[in-house]
């Protein structure tokens, strides 16, 4: 039987992204795997106005990183699984690239994430992190599709 040792859950703070937590924890518990809650902290674009105030810009960026860390720390404390770590990265590249780089560097063998299930033009315009991760072939991937409530 195949055994996952390290499961990564990329999160963006949304309820949709958090939908992957339950299935990932079920797998982790059955295999005593480590779980990594991961978030890419989006940088604020440096506008002309912000360029004139570098201290303000630096504080806004620092607040963005603190928010990412606080979100993951709070989430970890609410979950009842003991083998959870948190990791966040500054967005220096695309979100999918950051997820894939971390997974490769840290030996992740399963990425569990949610998807909006976009197709066609909508996926082209908005991108699709899940599709990029599945296409990369870096490790096993579990994709939880958005459920529309009727």
N, C-alpha and C. Protein backbone atom coordinates (compact mmCIF):
# COMPACT_ATOMS: atom_id res chain seq x y z
N UNK A 1 0.83 -1.18 0.00
CA UNK A 1 0.00 0.00 0.00
C UNK A 1 0.88 1.25 0.00
N UNK A 2 0.49 2.22 -0.80
CA UNK A 2 1.22 3.48 -0.86
C UNK A 2 0.91 4.30 0.39
N UNK A 3 1.92 4.95 0.93
CA UNK A 3 1.74 5.75 2.13
C UNK A 3 2.25 7.16 1.89
N UNK A 4 1.37 8.14 2.08
CA UNK A 4 1.79 9.54 2.01
C UNK A 4 2.46 9.91 3.32
N UNK A 5 3.56 10.64 3.22
CA UNK A 5 4.29 11.06 4.42
C UNK A 5 4.12 12.54 4.70
N UNK A 6 3.97 13.33 3.63
CA UNK A 6 3.84 14.79 3.80
C UNK A 6 2.78 15.31 2.86
N UNK A 7 1.73 15.88 3.43
CA UNK A 7 0.60 16.39 2.66
C UNK A 7 0.55 17.91 2.80
N UNK A 8 0.48 18.57 1.68
CA UNK A 8 0.44 20.04 1.64
C UNK A 8 -0.97 20.50 1.27
N UNK A 9 -1.47 21.50 2.00
CA UNK A 9 -2.78 22.08 1.69
C UNK A 9 -2.56 23.58 1.41
N UNK A 10 -2.55 23.97 0.14
CA UNK A 10 -2.41 25.40 -0.19
C UNK A 10 -3.71 26.12 0.15
N UNK A 11 -3.60 27.26 0.82
CA UNK A 11 -4.77 28.00 1.27
C UNK A 11 -4.64 29.48 0.89
N UNK A 12 -5.80 30.09 0.63
CA UNK A 12 -5.79 31.52 0.32
C UNK A 12 -6.67 32.31 1.28
N UNK A 13 -7.18 31.66 2.31
CA UNK A 13 -8.03 32.32 3.28
C UNK A 13 -9.51 32.17 3.00
N UNK A 14 -9.87 31.56 1.89
CA UNK A 14 -11.28 31.43 1.52
C UNK A 14 -11.86 30.12 2.05
N UNK A 15 -13.20 30.10 2.18
CA UNK A 15 -13.89 28.87 2.58
C UNK A 15 -13.69 27.79 1.52
N UNK A 16 -13.66 28.19 0.26
CA UNK A 16 -13.44 27.21 -0.81
C UNK A 16 -12.11 26.50 -0.62
N UNK A 17 -11.05 27.24 -0.39
CA UNK A 17 -9.73 26.62 -0.20
C UNK A 17 -9.73 25.70 1.02
N UNK A 18 -10.42 26.12 2.08
CA UNK A 18 -10.46 25.32 3.30
C UNK A 18 -11.25 24.03 3.14
N UNK A 19 -12.02 23.90 2.06
CA UNK A 19 -12.77 22.66 1.82
C UNK A 19 -11.84 21.46 1.63
N UNK A 20 -10.59 21.70 1.30
CA UNK A 20 -9.63 20.60 1.11
C UNK A 20 -9.08 20.08 2.43
N UNK A 21 -9.28 20.80 3.51
CA UNK A 21 -8.70 20.41 4.80
C UNK A 21 -9.27 19.08 5.30
N UNK A 22 -10.58 18.93 5.29
CA UNK A 22 -11.20 17.70 5.81
C UNK A 22 -10.70 16.44 5.12
N UNK A 23 -10.79 16.37 3.79
CA UNK A 23 -10.28 15.18 3.10
C UNK A 23 -8.78 14.96 3.33
N UNK A 24 -8.02 16.03 3.34
CA UNK A 24 -6.57 15.89 3.54
C UNK A 24 -6.26 15.35 4.94
N UNK A 25 -6.96 15.84 5.95
CA UNK A 25 -6.74 15.35 7.31
C UNK A 25 -7.17 13.89 7.46
N UNK A 26 -8.24 13.51 6.77
CA UNK A 26 -8.67 12.10 6.83
C UNK A 26 -7.57 11.19 6.29
N UNK A 27 -6.98 11.59 5.19
CA UNK A 27 -5.88 10.80 4.61
C UNK A 27 -4.68 10.82 5.55
N UNK A 28 -4.34 12.01 6.05
CA UNK A 28 -3.18 12.14 6.94
C UNK A 28 -3.32 11.29 8.19
N UNK A 29 -4.50 11.32 8.80
CA UNK A 29 -4.71 10.54 10.01
C UNK A 29 -4.58 9.05 9.75
N UNK A 30 -5.07 8.59 8.61
CA UNK A 30 -4.99 7.15 8.31
C UNK A 30 -3.57 6.70 8.03
N UNK A 31 -2.69 7.64 7.68
CA UNK A 31 -1.32 7.29 7.33
C UNK A 31 -0.29 7.91 8.26
N UNK A 32 -0.73 8.58 9.30
CA UNK A 32 0.16 9.28 10.24
C UNK A 32 1.10 10.23 9.49
N UNK A 33 0.56 10.94 8.52
CA UNK A 33 1.36 11.84 7.70
C UNK A 33 1.43 13.23 8.33
N UNK A 34 2.49 13.93 8.00
CA UNK A 34 2.62 15.34 8.37
C UNK A 34 1.76 16.16 7.42
N UNK A 35 1.13 17.21 7.93
CA UNK A 35 0.33 18.12 7.12
C UNK A 35 0.96 19.51 7.18
N UNK A 36 1.10 20.12 6.02
CA UNK A 36 1.62 21.48 5.95
C UNK A 36 0.53 22.39 5.40
N UNK A 37 0.11 23.36 6.22
CA UNK A 37 -0.81 24.39 5.76
C UNK A 37 0.05 25.47 5.10
N UNK A 38 -0.21 25.78 3.85
CA UNK A 38 0.68 26.65 3.07
C UNK A 38 -0.10 27.82 2.49
N UNK A 39 0.50 29.00 2.57
CA UNK A 39 -0.14 30.18 1.99
C UNK A 39 0.90 31.05 1.30
N UNK A 40 0.53 31.54 0.14
CA UNK A 40 1.36 32.52 -0.57
C UNK A 40 0.85 33.89 -0.16
N UNK A 41 1.70 34.67 0.47
CA UNK A 41 1.33 36.03 0.90
C UNK A 41 1.50 36.97 -0.28
N UNK A 42 0.40 37.47 -0.79
CA UNK A 42 0.43 38.33 -1.97
C UNK A 42 1.08 39.67 -1.64
N UNK A 43 2.02 40.05 -2.46
CA UNK A 43 2.65 41.36 -2.29
C UNK A 43 1.75 42.43 -2.89
N UNK A 44 1.79 43.58 -2.30
CA UNK A 44 1.05 44.74 -2.79
C UNK A 44 1.91 45.40 -3.87
N UNK A 45 1.33 45.65 -5.05
CA UNK A 45 2.13 46.31 -6.09
C UNK A 45 2.63 47.68 -5.62
N UNK A 46 3.85 47.99 -5.96
CA UNK A 46 4.44 49.27 -5.56
C UNK A 46 4.02 50.33 -6.58
N UNK A 47 3.03 51.11 -6.22
CA UNK A 47 2.56 52.18 -7.09
C UNK A 47 3.49 53.38 -6.99
N UNK A 48 3.31 54.34 -7.86
CA UNK A 48 4.12 55.55 -7.80
C UNK A 48 3.97 56.23 -6.45
N UNK A 49 2.73 56.28 -5.98
CA UNK A 49 2.44 56.93 -4.69
C UNK A 49 3.15 56.20 -3.55
N UNK A 50 3.07 54.86 -3.56
CA UNK A 50 3.74 54.09 -2.51
C UNK A 50 5.26 54.17 -2.63
N UNK A 51 5.76 54.32 -3.85
CA UNK A 51 7.21 54.44 -4.04
C UNK A 51 7.75 55.70 -3.37
N UNK A 52 6.87 56.70 -3.26
CA UNK A 52 7.27 57.95 -2.59
C UNK A 52 7.30 57.80 -1.08
N UNK A 53 6.70 56.71 -0.57
CA UNK A 53 6.63 56.47 0.87
C UNK A 53 7.13 55.06 1.18
N UNK A 54 8.43 54.82 1.04
CA UNK A 54 8.94 53.45 1.20
C UNK A 54 8.65 52.84 2.57
N UNK A 55 8.65 53.64 3.63
CA UNK A 55 8.36 53.11 4.96
C UNK A 55 6.92 52.59 5.05
N UNK A 56 6.00 53.34 4.45
CA UNK A 56 4.60 52.92 4.45
C UNK A 56 4.45 51.64 3.64
N UNK A 57 5.09 51.58 2.48
CA UNK A 57 5.02 50.39 1.64
C UNK A 57 5.57 49.17 2.39
N UNK A 58 6.72 49.34 3.02
CA UNK A 58 7.32 48.23 3.76
C UNK A 58 6.41 47.75 4.89
N UNK A 59 5.72 48.68 5.54
CA UNK A 59 4.80 48.30 6.62
C UNK A 59 3.57 47.56 6.07
N UNK A 60 3.09 47.97 4.91
CA UNK A 60 1.94 47.29 4.29
C UNK A 60 2.34 45.86 3.91
N UNK A 61 3.53 45.70 3.35
CA UNK A 61 4.01 44.37 2.98
C UNK A 61 4.18 43.51 4.23
N UNK A 62 4.78 44.07 5.28
CA UNK A 62 4.96 43.33 6.53
C UNK A 62 3.61 42.92 7.12
N UNK A 63 2.61 43.79 7.03
CA UNK A 63 1.27 43.47 7.54
C UNK A 63 0.66 42.32 6.74
N UNK A 64 0.91 42.28 5.44
CA UNK A 64 0.41 41.19 4.60
C UNK A 64 1.01 39.86 5.04
N UNK A 65 2.29 39.85 5.33
CA UNK A 65 2.95 38.63 5.78
C UNK A 65 2.46 38.22 7.18
N UNK A 66 2.27 39.21 8.06
CA UNK A 66 1.75 38.89 9.40
C UNK A 66 0.35 38.29 9.31
N UNK A 67 -0.46 38.84 8.41
CA UNK A 67 -1.82 38.33 8.24
C UNK A 67 -1.79 36.87 7.78
N UNK A 68 -0.91 36.55 6.84
CA UNK A 68 -0.79 35.17 6.35
C UNK A 68 -0.37 34.24 7.49
N UNK A 69 0.60 34.66 8.26
CA UNK A 69 1.07 33.83 9.38
C UNK A 69 -0.01 33.69 10.45
N UNK A 70 -0.69 34.78 10.78
CA UNK A 70 -1.75 34.74 11.79
C UNK A 70 -2.89 33.82 11.35
N UNK A 71 -3.27 33.92 10.09
CA UNK A 71 -4.33 33.07 9.56
C UNK A 71 -3.97 31.59 9.70
N UNK A 72 -2.76 31.23 9.29
CA UNK A 72 -2.35 29.83 9.36
C UNK A 72 -2.21 29.34 10.80
N UNK A 73 -1.67 30.18 11.66
CA UNK A 73 -1.52 29.82 13.07
C UNK A 73 -2.88 29.58 13.71
N UNK A 74 -3.83 30.48 13.46
CA UNK A 74 -5.18 30.33 14.00
C UNK A 74 -5.84 29.05 13.47
N UNK A 75 -5.69 28.80 12.20
CA UNK A 75 -6.28 27.60 11.60
C UNK A 75 -5.68 26.34 12.21
N UNK A 76 -4.37 26.31 12.36
CA UNK A 76 -3.71 25.14 12.95
C UNK A 76 -4.24 24.89 14.36
N UNK A 77 -4.45 25.95 15.12
CA UNK A 77 -4.94 25.79 16.50
C UNK A 77 -6.37 25.26 16.55
N UNK A 78 -7.17 25.52 15.53
CA UNK A 78 -8.56 25.05 15.50
C UNK A 78 -8.67 23.59 15.06
N UNK A 79 -7.65 23.05 14.43
CA UNK A 79 -7.70 21.68 13.92
C UNK A 79 -7.22 20.72 14.99
N UNK A 80 -7.79 19.53 15.00
CA UNK A 80 -7.48 18.56 16.05
C UNK A 80 -6.52 17.48 15.56
N UNK A 81 -5.52 17.89 14.82
CA UNK A 81 -4.51 16.93 14.34
C UNK A 81 -3.16 17.47 14.78
N UNK A 82 -2.37 16.63 15.41
CA UNK A 82 -1.15 17.14 16.04
C UNK A 82 0.04 17.32 15.10
N UNK A 83 0.06 16.70 13.94
CA UNK A 83 1.22 16.78 13.06
C UNK A 83 1.01 17.82 11.96
N UNK A 84 0.71 19.06 12.38
CA UNK A 84 0.47 20.13 11.41
C UNK A 84 1.52 21.22 11.59
N UNK A 85 2.12 21.60 10.49
CA UNK A 85 3.03 22.74 10.49
C UNK A 85 2.46 23.80 9.54
N UNK A 86 2.97 25.00 9.66
CA UNK A 86 2.53 26.07 8.77
C UNK A 86 3.73 26.64 8.02
N UNK A 87 3.45 27.14 6.84
CA UNK A 87 4.51 27.73 6.02
C UNK A 87 3.86 28.78 5.12
N UNK A 88 4.48 29.93 5.02
CA UNK A 88 4.00 30.90 4.06
C UNK A 88 5.20 31.48 3.34
N UNK A 89 4.95 31.93 2.14
CA UNK A 89 6.00 32.49 1.30
C UNK A 89 5.54 33.81 0.71
N UNK A 90 6.49 34.68 0.49
CA UNK A 90 6.19 35.92 -0.22
C UNK A 90 5.97 35.58 -1.69
N UNK A 91 5.02 36.24 -2.29
CA UNK A 91 4.69 35.95 -3.69
C UNK A 91 5.71 36.58 -4.62
N UNK A 92 6.79 35.86 -4.87
CA UNK A 92 7.81 36.35 -5.79
C UNK A 92 7.62 35.78 -7.18
N UNK A 93 6.75 34.80 -7.30
CA UNK A 93 6.43 34.19 -8.60
C UNK A 93 4.94 33.88 -8.57
N UNK A 94 4.42 33.26 -9.60
CA UNK A 94 3.01 32.89 -9.61
C UNK A 94 2.68 31.94 -8.47
N UNK A 95 1.43 31.94 -8.08
CA UNK A 95 1.00 31.13 -6.94
C UNK A 95 1.26 29.64 -7.19
N UNK A 96 0.90 29.14 -8.36
CA UNK A 96 1.13 27.72 -8.65
C UNK A 96 2.62 27.40 -8.58
N UNK A 97 3.45 28.28 -9.11
CA UNK A 97 4.90 28.06 -9.09
C UNK A 97 5.42 28.00 -7.66
N UNK A 98 4.92 28.88 -6.79
CA UNK A 98 5.34 28.88 -5.39
C UNK A 98 4.95 27.55 -4.71
N UNK A 99 3.75 27.08 -4.98
CA UNK A 99 3.28 25.82 -4.40
C UNK A 99 4.15 24.66 -4.88
N UNK A 100 4.40 24.62 -6.17
CA UNK A 100 5.20 23.53 -6.75
C UNK A 100 6.64 23.57 -6.26
N UNK A 101 7.21 24.76 -6.16
CA UNK A 101 8.59 24.88 -5.67
C UNK A 101 8.70 24.38 -4.23
N UNK A 102 7.76 24.80 -3.38
CA UNK A 102 7.78 24.35 -1.99
C UNK A 102 7.63 22.84 -1.92
N UNK A 103 6.69 22.30 -2.68
CA UNK A 103 6.46 20.85 -2.66
C UNK A 103 7.73 20.09 -3.04
N UNK A 104 8.41 20.56 -4.07
CA UNK A 104 9.64 19.89 -4.50
C UNK A 104 10.75 20.03 -3.46
N UNK A 105 10.90 21.22 -2.90
CA UNK A 105 11.97 21.47 -1.92
C UNK A 105 11.76 20.69 -0.62
N UNK A 106 10.51 20.51 -0.22
CA UNK A 106 10.21 19.93 1.08
C UNK A 106 9.76 18.48 1.04
N UNK A 107 9.81 17.84 -0.12
CA UNK A 107 9.46 16.43 -0.21
C UNK A 107 7.99 16.13 0.00
N UNK A 108 7.13 17.03 -0.43
CA UNK A 108 5.68 16.80 -0.33
C UNK A 108 5.31 15.70 -1.32
N UNK A 109 4.52 14.73 -0.86
CA UNK A 109 4.11 13.67 -1.79
C UNK A 109 2.62 13.68 -2.11
N UNK A 110 1.87 14.63 -1.51
CA UNK A 110 0.47 14.84 -1.88
C UNK A 110 0.11 16.30 -1.66
N UNK A 111 -0.44 16.92 -2.69
CA UNK A 111 -0.99 18.27 -2.57
C UNK A 111 -2.50 18.13 -2.62
N UNK A 112 -3.18 18.63 -1.58
CA UNK A 112 -4.64 18.59 -1.53
C UNK A 112 -5.15 20.02 -1.61
N UNK A 113 -5.93 20.31 -2.64
CA UNK A 113 -6.40 21.68 -2.82
C UNK A 113 -7.79 21.70 -3.42
N UNK A 114 -8.41 22.85 -3.33
CA UNK A 114 -9.74 23.05 -3.88
C UNK A 114 -9.64 23.73 -5.23
N UNK A 115 -10.69 23.58 -6.01
CA UNK A 115 -10.75 24.19 -7.34
C UNK A 115 -12.12 24.78 -7.57
N UNK A 116 -12.14 25.89 -8.28
CA UNK A 116 -13.41 26.49 -8.68
C UNK A 116 -14.05 25.71 -9.83
N UNK A 117 -13.26 24.87 -10.49
CA UNK A 117 -13.78 24.11 -11.62
C UNK A 117 -14.01 24.96 -12.85
N UNK A 118 -13.22 26.01 -13.01
CA UNK A 118 -13.37 26.86 -14.18
C UNK A 118 -12.95 26.11 -15.44
N UNK A 119 -13.61 26.45 -16.53
CA UNK A 119 -13.26 25.86 -17.81
C UNK A 119 -13.24 26.94 -18.88
N UNK A 120 -12.72 26.59 -20.04
CA UNK A 120 -12.77 27.46 -21.21
C UNK A 120 -12.17 28.83 -21.00
N UNK A 121 -12.89 29.86 -21.47
CA UNK A 121 -12.41 31.23 -21.42
C UNK A 121 -12.21 31.70 -19.98
N UNK A 122 -13.12 31.29 -19.09
CA UNK A 122 -13.00 31.70 -17.69
C UNK A 122 -11.67 31.24 -17.09
N UNK A 123 -11.26 30.00 -17.39
CA UNK A 123 -9.98 29.51 -16.88
C UNK A 123 -8.82 30.26 -17.52
N UNK A 124 -8.94 30.57 -18.82
CA UNK A 124 -7.88 31.30 -19.52
C UNK A 124 -7.71 32.70 -18.91
N UNK A 125 -8.81 33.37 -18.65
CA UNK A 125 -8.77 34.74 -18.12
C UNK A 125 -8.29 34.76 -16.67
N UNK A 126 -8.85 33.89 -15.83
CA UNK A 126 -8.56 33.91 -14.40
C UNK A 126 -7.43 32.97 -13.99
N UNK A 127 -6.99 32.14 -14.90
CA UNK A 127 -5.97 31.16 -14.55
C UNK A 127 -6.58 30.04 -13.73
N UNK A 128 -5.82 29.02 -13.48
CA UNK A 128 -6.32 27.92 -12.69
C UNK A 128 -5.15 27.24 -12.00
N UNK A 129 -4.99 27.55 -10.74
CA UNK A 129 -3.88 27.02 -9.96
C UNK A 129 -3.95 25.50 -9.93
N UNK A 130 -5.14 24.95 -9.69
CA UNK A 130 -5.27 23.49 -9.62
C UNK A 130 -4.82 22.83 -10.92
N UNK A 131 -5.22 23.38 -12.05
CA UNK A 131 -4.82 22.81 -13.35
C UNK A 131 -3.31 22.84 -13.52
N UNK A 132 -2.68 23.93 -13.15
CA UNK A 132 -1.22 24.04 -13.27
C UNK A 132 -0.52 23.03 -12.38
N UNK A 133 -1.05 22.80 -11.20
CA UNK A 133 -0.43 21.84 -10.28
C UNK A 133 -0.61 20.42 -10.79
N UNK A 134 -1.81 20.09 -11.25
CA UNK A 134 -2.06 18.75 -11.80
C UNK A 134 -1.16 18.50 -13.00
N UNK A 135 -1.02 19.50 -13.85
CA UNK A 135 -0.22 19.36 -15.08
C UNK A 135 1.27 19.23 -14.80
N UNK A 136 1.71 19.65 -13.64
CA UNK A 136 3.15 19.66 -13.36
C UNK A 136 3.73 18.27 -13.14
N UNK A 137 2.90 17.36 -12.63
CA UNK A 137 3.36 16.01 -12.37
C UNK A 137 4.43 15.95 -11.28
N UNK A 138 4.40 16.90 -10.35
CA UNK A 138 5.44 16.93 -9.30
C UNK A 138 5.18 15.90 -8.21
N UNK A 139 3.90 15.65 -7.91
CA UNK A 139 3.54 14.66 -6.90
C UNK A 139 2.05 14.36 -7.06
N UNK A 140 1.54 13.47 -6.24
CA UNK A 140 0.11 13.17 -6.30
C UNK A 140 -0.69 14.40 -5.92
N UNK A 141 -1.88 14.51 -6.49
CA UNK A 141 -2.73 15.68 -6.24
C UNK A 141 -4.16 15.24 -5.98
N UNK A 142 -4.75 15.81 -4.94
CA UNK A 142 -6.16 15.60 -4.63
C UNK A 142 -6.85 16.93 -4.83
N UNK A 143 -7.81 16.98 -5.75
CA UNK A 143 -8.53 18.21 -6.04
C UNK A 143 -9.97 18.08 -5.57
N UNK A 144 -10.39 18.99 -4.72
CA UNK A 144 -11.75 19.04 -4.23
C UNK A 144 -12.47 20.11 -5.04
N UNK A 145 -13.52 19.72 -5.76
CA UNK A 145 -14.26 20.68 -6.58
C UNK A 145 -15.24 21.47 -5.74
N UNK A 146 -15.45 22.72 -6.14
CA UNK A 146 -16.42 23.59 -5.47
C UNK A 146 -17.81 22.98 -5.63
N UNK A 147 -18.55 22.94 -4.53
CA UNK A 147 -19.92 22.45 -4.57
C UNK A 147 -20.85 23.63 -4.56
N UNK A 148 -21.71 23.67 -5.55
CA UNK A 148 -22.69 24.76 -5.62
C UNK A 148 -23.96 24.33 -4.89
N UNK A 149 -24.34 25.15 -3.94
CA UNK A 149 -25.55 24.88 -3.17
C UNK A 149 -26.74 25.43 -3.94
N UNK A 150 -27.75 24.59 -4.11
CA UNK A 150 -28.94 25.03 -4.85
C UNK A 150 -30.09 25.28 -3.92
